[in-house]
């Protein structure tokens, strides 16, 4: 799977929620946080966001798991650690 910055954004939202709340993130919270992050992004149209499809692909690729809420797998944490925008401290 070729990931873009929005896929990485989803991984970051999941990881940040886990670190801040010590719990897995519920789908509704994940979707709300994703839309808040991209609402000012003029490069992405609603049809391109396809958050459900993105979450499904991340799950099928073994980057996230759903056990009473979403969390990253080891593979997902590794992928997020190599995200190019992580070094800059902000989303590109």
N, C-alpha and C. Protein backbone atom coordinates (compact mmCIF):
# COMPACT_ATOMS: atom_id res chain seq x y z
N UNK A 1 0.84 -1.19 0.00
CA UNK A 1 0.00 0.00 0.00
C UNK A 1 0.88 1.24 0.00
N UNK A 2 0.58 2.15 -0.92
CA UNK A 2 1.29 3.42 -0.94
C UNK A 2 0.52 4.38 -0.05
N UNK A 3 1.18 4.83 1.00
CA UNK A 3 0.53 5.71 1.97
C UNK A 3 0.81 7.17 1.62
N UNK A 4 -0.19 8.01 1.87
CA UNK A 4 0.01 9.44 1.71
C UNK A 4 -0.06 10.10 3.08
N UNK A 5 0.01 11.42 3.09
CA UNK A 5 0.06 12.12 4.38
C UNK A 5 -1.23 11.96 5.17
N UNK A 6 -2.33 11.69 4.51
CA UNK A 6 -3.60 11.51 5.22
C UNK A 6 -3.67 10.16 5.93
N UNK A 7 -3.07 9.13 5.33
CA UNK A 7 -2.97 7.84 6.00
C UNK A 7 -2.08 7.97 7.23
N UNK A 8 -0.97 8.67 7.07
CA UNK A 8 -0.07 8.90 8.20
C UNK A 8 -0.74 9.75 9.28
N UNK A 9 -1.60 10.67 8.85
CA UNK A 9 -2.34 11.49 9.79
C UNK A 9 -3.25 10.61 10.66
N UNK A 10 -3.90 9.64 10.05
CA UNK A 10 -4.76 8.72 10.80
C UNK A 10 -3.93 7.94 11.82
N UNK A 11 -2.77 7.44 11.40
CA UNK A 11 -1.89 6.72 12.33
C UNK A 11 -1.48 7.63 13.48
N UNK A 12 -1.17 8.88 13.17
CA UNK A 12 -0.76 9.83 14.20
C UNK A 12 -1.90 10.14 15.17
N UNK A 13 -3.10 10.27 14.66
CA UNK A 13 -4.26 10.53 15.52
C UNK A 13 -4.46 9.36 16.48
N UNK A 14 -4.35 8.14 15.96
CA UNK A 14 -4.51 6.95 16.81
C UNK A 14 -3.44 6.91 17.89
N UNK A 15 -2.19 7.14 17.49
CA UNK A 15 -1.08 7.08 18.44
C UNK A 15 -1.18 8.21 19.48
N UNK A 16 -1.52 9.39 19.04
CA UNK A 16 -1.64 10.52 19.97
C UNK A 16 -2.74 10.28 20.99
N UNK A 17 -3.86 9.74 20.54
CA UNK A 17 -4.96 9.44 21.46
C UNK A 17 -4.52 8.41 22.50
N UNK A 18 -3.80 7.41 22.05
CA UNK A 18 -3.32 6.36 22.96
C UNK A 18 -2.39 6.95 24.02
N UNK A 19 -1.49 7.81 23.60
CA UNK A 19 -0.54 8.42 24.53
C UNK A 19 -1.22 9.38 25.50
N UNK A 20 -2.17 10.16 25.01
CA UNK A 20 -2.85 11.16 25.84
C UNK A 20 -3.87 10.55 26.79
N UNK A 21 -4.56 9.51 26.35
CA UNK A 21 -5.68 8.97 27.11
C UNK A 21 -5.46 7.57 27.66
N UNK A 22 -4.37 6.94 27.28
CA UNK A 22 -4.07 5.57 27.71
C UNK A 22 -5.21 4.61 27.37
N UNK A 23 -5.86 4.85 26.24
CA UNK A 23 -6.93 3.98 25.79
C UNK A 23 -6.98 3.97 24.27
N UNK A 24 -7.64 2.96 23.73
CA UNK A 24 -7.81 2.88 22.29
C UNK A 24 -8.85 3.90 21.86
N UNK A 25 -8.73 4.36 20.62
CA UNK A 25 -9.63 5.39 20.11
C UNK A 25 -10.84 4.75 19.45
N UNK A 26 -11.99 5.29 19.72
CA UNK A 26 -13.24 4.82 19.11
C UNK A 26 -13.33 5.41 17.70
N UNK A 27 -14.05 4.71 16.84
CA UNK A 27 -14.18 5.14 15.45
C UNK A 27 -14.75 6.55 15.33
N UNK A 28 -15.76 6.87 16.09
CA UNK A 28 -16.37 8.20 15.99
C UNK A 28 -15.38 9.30 16.37
N UNK A 29 -14.55 9.05 17.38
CA UNK A 29 -13.55 10.04 17.80
C UNK A 29 -12.46 10.16 16.74
N UNK A 30 -12.06 9.04 16.17
CA UNK A 30 -11.05 9.04 15.11
C UNK A 30 -11.54 9.85 13.91
N UNK A 31 -12.77 9.60 13.50
CA UNK A 31 -13.33 10.34 12.36
C UNK A 31 -13.43 11.83 12.66
N UNK A 32 -13.90 12.19 13.84
CA UNK A 32 -14.03 13.60 14.21
C UNK A 32 -12.66 14.29 14.21
N UNK A 33 -11.66 13.66 14.79
CA UNK A 33 -10.32 14.25 14.84
C UNK A 33 -9.71 14.38 13.45
N UNK A 34 -9.96 13.39 12.58
CA UNK A 34 -9.46 13.45 11.21
C UNK A 34 -10.06 14.64 10.48
N UNK A 35 -11.39 14.82 10.59
CA UNK A 35 -12.03 15.92 9.89
C UNK A 35 -11.57 17.27 10.44
N UNK A 36 -11.31 17.34 11.75
CA UNK A 36 -10.80 18.59 12.32
C UNK A 36 -9.42 18.91 11.75
N UNK A 37 -8.59 17.89 11.56
CA UNK A 37 -7.24 18.11 11.04
C UNK A 37 -7.24 18.57 9.59
N UNK A 38 -8.19 18.09 8.81
CA UNK A 38 -8.16 18.40 7.38
C UNK A 38 -9.12 19.49 6.95
N UNK A 39 -9.90 20.06 7.87
CA UNK A 39 -10.91 21.02 7.46
C UNK A 39 -10.33 22.25 6.76
N UNK A 40 -9.11 22.61 7.06
CA UNK A 40 -8.49 23.77 6.41
C UNK A 40 -7.62 23.38 5.22
N UNK A 41 -7.56 22.10 4.92
CA UNK A 41 -6.71 21.60 3.84
C UNK A 41 -7.43 21.77 2.50
N UNK A 42 -6.96 22.68 1.69
CA UNK A 42 -7.60 22.94 0.41
C UNK A 42 -7.18 21.94 -0.67
N UNK A 43 -6.14 21.13 -0.39
CA UNK A 43 -5.68 20.15 -1.36
C UNK A 43 -6.55 18.90 -1.39
N UNK A 44 -7.34 18.69 -0.37
CA UNK A 44 -8.13 17.47 -0.24
C UNK A 44 -9.61 17.79 -0.35
N UNK A 45 -10.27 17.10 -1.24
CA UNK A 45 -11.71 17.25 -1.40
C UNK A 45 -12.40 16.15 -0.60
N UNK A 46 -13.64 16.36 -0.23
CA UNK A 46 -14.38 15.39 0.59
C UNK A 46 -14.34 13.99 -0.03
N UNK A 47 -14.50 13.91 -1.32
CA UNK A 47 -14.47 12.61 -1.99
C UNK A 47 -13.13 11.91 -1.90
N UNK A 48 -12.07 12.68 -1.76
CA UNK A 48 -10.73 12.10 -1.66
C UNK A 48 -10.42 11.61 -0.26
N UNK A 49 -11.09 12.14 0.73
CA UNK A 49 -10.79 11.79 2.12
C UNK A 49 -11.06 10.32 2.38
N UNK A 50 -12.25 9.85 2.02
CA UNK A 50 -12.61 8.44 2.15
C UNK A 50 -12.04 7.81 3.41
N UNK A 51 -12.35 8.38 4.56
CA UNK A 51 -11.75 7.91 5.81
C UNK A 51 -12.06 6.44 6.08
N UNK A 52 -13.27 6.01 5.78
CA UNK A 52 -13.61 4.60 5.99
C UNK A 52 -12.74 3.67 5.18
N UNK A 53 -12.52 4.03 3.93
CA UNK A 53 -11.67 3.23 3.05
C UNK A 53 -10.21 3.26 3.53
N UNK A 54 -9.77 4.40 3.98
CA UNK A 54 -8.40 4.52 4.49
C UNK A 54 -8.20 3.65 5.73
N UNK A 55 -9.15 3.70 6.65
CA UNK A 55 -9.05 2.90 7.87
C UNK A 55 -9.06 1.41 7.51
N UNK A 56 -9.93 1.03 6.59
CA UNK A 56 -10.00 -0.37 6.16
C UNK A 56 -8.67 -0.82 5.57
N UNK A 57 -8.08 0.00 4.70
CA UNK A 57 -6.80 -0.37 4.09
C UNK A 57 -5.69 -0.46 5.13
N UNK A 58 -5.66 0.46 6.09
CA UNK A 58 -4.65 0.41 7.15
C UNK A 58 -4.81 -0.87 7.98
N UNK A 59 -6.05 -1.25 8.21
CA UNK A 59 -6.34 -2.48 8.97
C UNK A 59 -5.90 -3.71 8.17
N UNK A 60 -6.27 -3.76 6.89
CA UNK A 60 -5.91 -4.90 6.06
C UNK A 60 -4.41 -5.02 5.84
N UNK A 61 -3.71 -3.90 5.87
CA UNK A 61 -2.26 -3.92 5.71
C UNK A 61 -1.54 -4.20 7.04
N UNK A 62 -2.30 -4.39 8.10
CA UNK A 62 -1.70 -4.74 9.39
C UNK A 62 -1.07 -3.58 10.13
N UNK A 63 -1.48 -2.36 9.83
CA UNK A 63 -0.91 -1.19 10.50
C UNK A 63 -1.70 -0.79 11.73
N UNK A 64 -2.99 -1.14 11.75
CA UNK A 64 -3.84 -0.86 12.91
C UNK A 64 -4.63 -2.12 13.25
N UNK A 65 -5.10 -2.17 14.47
CA UNK A 65 -5.99 -3.25 14.88
C UNK A 65 -7.15 -2.67 15.66
N UNK A 66 -8.23 -3.42 15.73
CA UNK A 66 -9.42 -2.96 16.43
C UNK A 66 -9.75 -3.96 17.52
N UNK A 67 -9.41 -3.60 18.73
CA UNK A 67 -9.75 -4.40 19.90
C UNK A 67 -10.40 -3.46 20.90
N UNK A 68 -11.72 -3.34 20.80
CA UNK A 68 -12.47 -2.39 21.61
C UNK A 68 -11.95 -0.96 21.40
N UNK A 69 -11.69 -0.64 20.15
CA UNK A 69 -11.14 0.65 19.76
C UNK A 69 -9.88 0.42 18.93
N UNK A 70 -9.48 1.42 18.18
CA UNK A 70 -8.32 1.29 17.29
C UNK A 70 -7.02 1.61 18.01
N UNK A 71 -6.00 0.85 17.66
CA UNK A 71 -4.65 1.08 18.14
C UNK A 71 -3.67 0.67 17.04
N UNK A 72 -2.46 1.15 17.12
CA UNK A 72 -1.45 0.80 16.13
C UNK A 72 -0.84 -0.56 16.45
N UNK A 73 -0.49 -1.28 15.42
CA UNK A 73 0.29 -2.50 15.58
C UNK A 73 1.77 -2.10 15.60
N UNK A 74 2.62 -3.05 15.82
CA UNK A 74 4.07 -2.77 15.78
C UNK A 74 4.45 -2.23 14.40
N UNK A 75 3.90 -2.83 13.37
CA UNK A 75 4.16 -2.38 12.00
C UNK A 75 3.68 -0.94 11.80
N UNK A 76 2.52 -0.60 12.37
CA UNK A 76 1.99 0.76 12.26
C UNK A 76 2.86 1.77 12.98
N UNK A 77 3.35 1.41 14.18
CA UNK A 77 4.24 2.31 14.92
C UNK A 77 5.55 2.53 14.17
N UNK A 78 6.06 1.47 13.55
CA UNK A 78 7.29 1.60 12.76
C UNK A 78 7.06 2.52 11.56
N UNK A 79 5.95 2.33 10.87
CA UNK A 79 5.64 3.16 9.71
C UNK A 79 5.50 4.63 10.12
N UNK A 80 4.86 4.88 11.24
CA UNK A 80 4.67 6.24 11.72
C UNK A 80 6.00 6.88 12.11
N UNK A 81 6.90 6.08 12.66
CA UNK A 81 8.20 6.63 13.08
C UNK A 81 9.03 7.09 11.89
N UNK A 82 8.74 6.56 10.70
CA UNK A 82 9.47 6.96 9.50
C UNK A 82 8.74 8.01 8.68
N UNK A 83 7.64 8.51 9.20
CA UNK A 83 6.87 9.53 8.48
C UNK A 83 7.72 10.78 8.29
N UNK A 84 7.81 11.29 7.06
CA UNK A 84 8.68 12.45 6.79
C UNK A 84 8.29 13.70 7.57
N UNK A 85 7.03 13.91 7.84
CA UNK A 85 6.61 15.12 8.54
C UNK A 85 6.81 15.02 10.03
N UNK A 86 7.09 13.84 10.55
CA UNK A 86 7.29 13.70 12.00
C UNK A 86 8.55 14.44 12.45
N UNK A 87 9.58 14.46 11.64
CA UNK A 87 10.81 15.15 12.03
C UNK A 87 10.61 16.66 12.12
N UNK A 88 9.71 17.16 11.29
CA UNK A 88 9.46 18.59 11.27
C UNK A 88 8.52 19.03 12.40
N UNK A 89 7.80 18.07 12.98
CA UNK A 89 6.91 18.39 14.08
C UNK A 89 5.55 18.91 13.65
N UNK A 90 5.27 18.88 12.36
CA UNK A 90 3.97 19.36 11.89
C UNK A 90 3.60 18.62 10.62
N UNK A 91 2.34 18.59 10.33
CA UNK A 91 1.88 17.95 9.11
C UNK A 91 2.26 18.79 7.92
N UNK A 92 2.63 18.12 6.85
CA UNK A 92 2.98 18.81 5.61
C UNK A 92 1.76 18.93 4.76
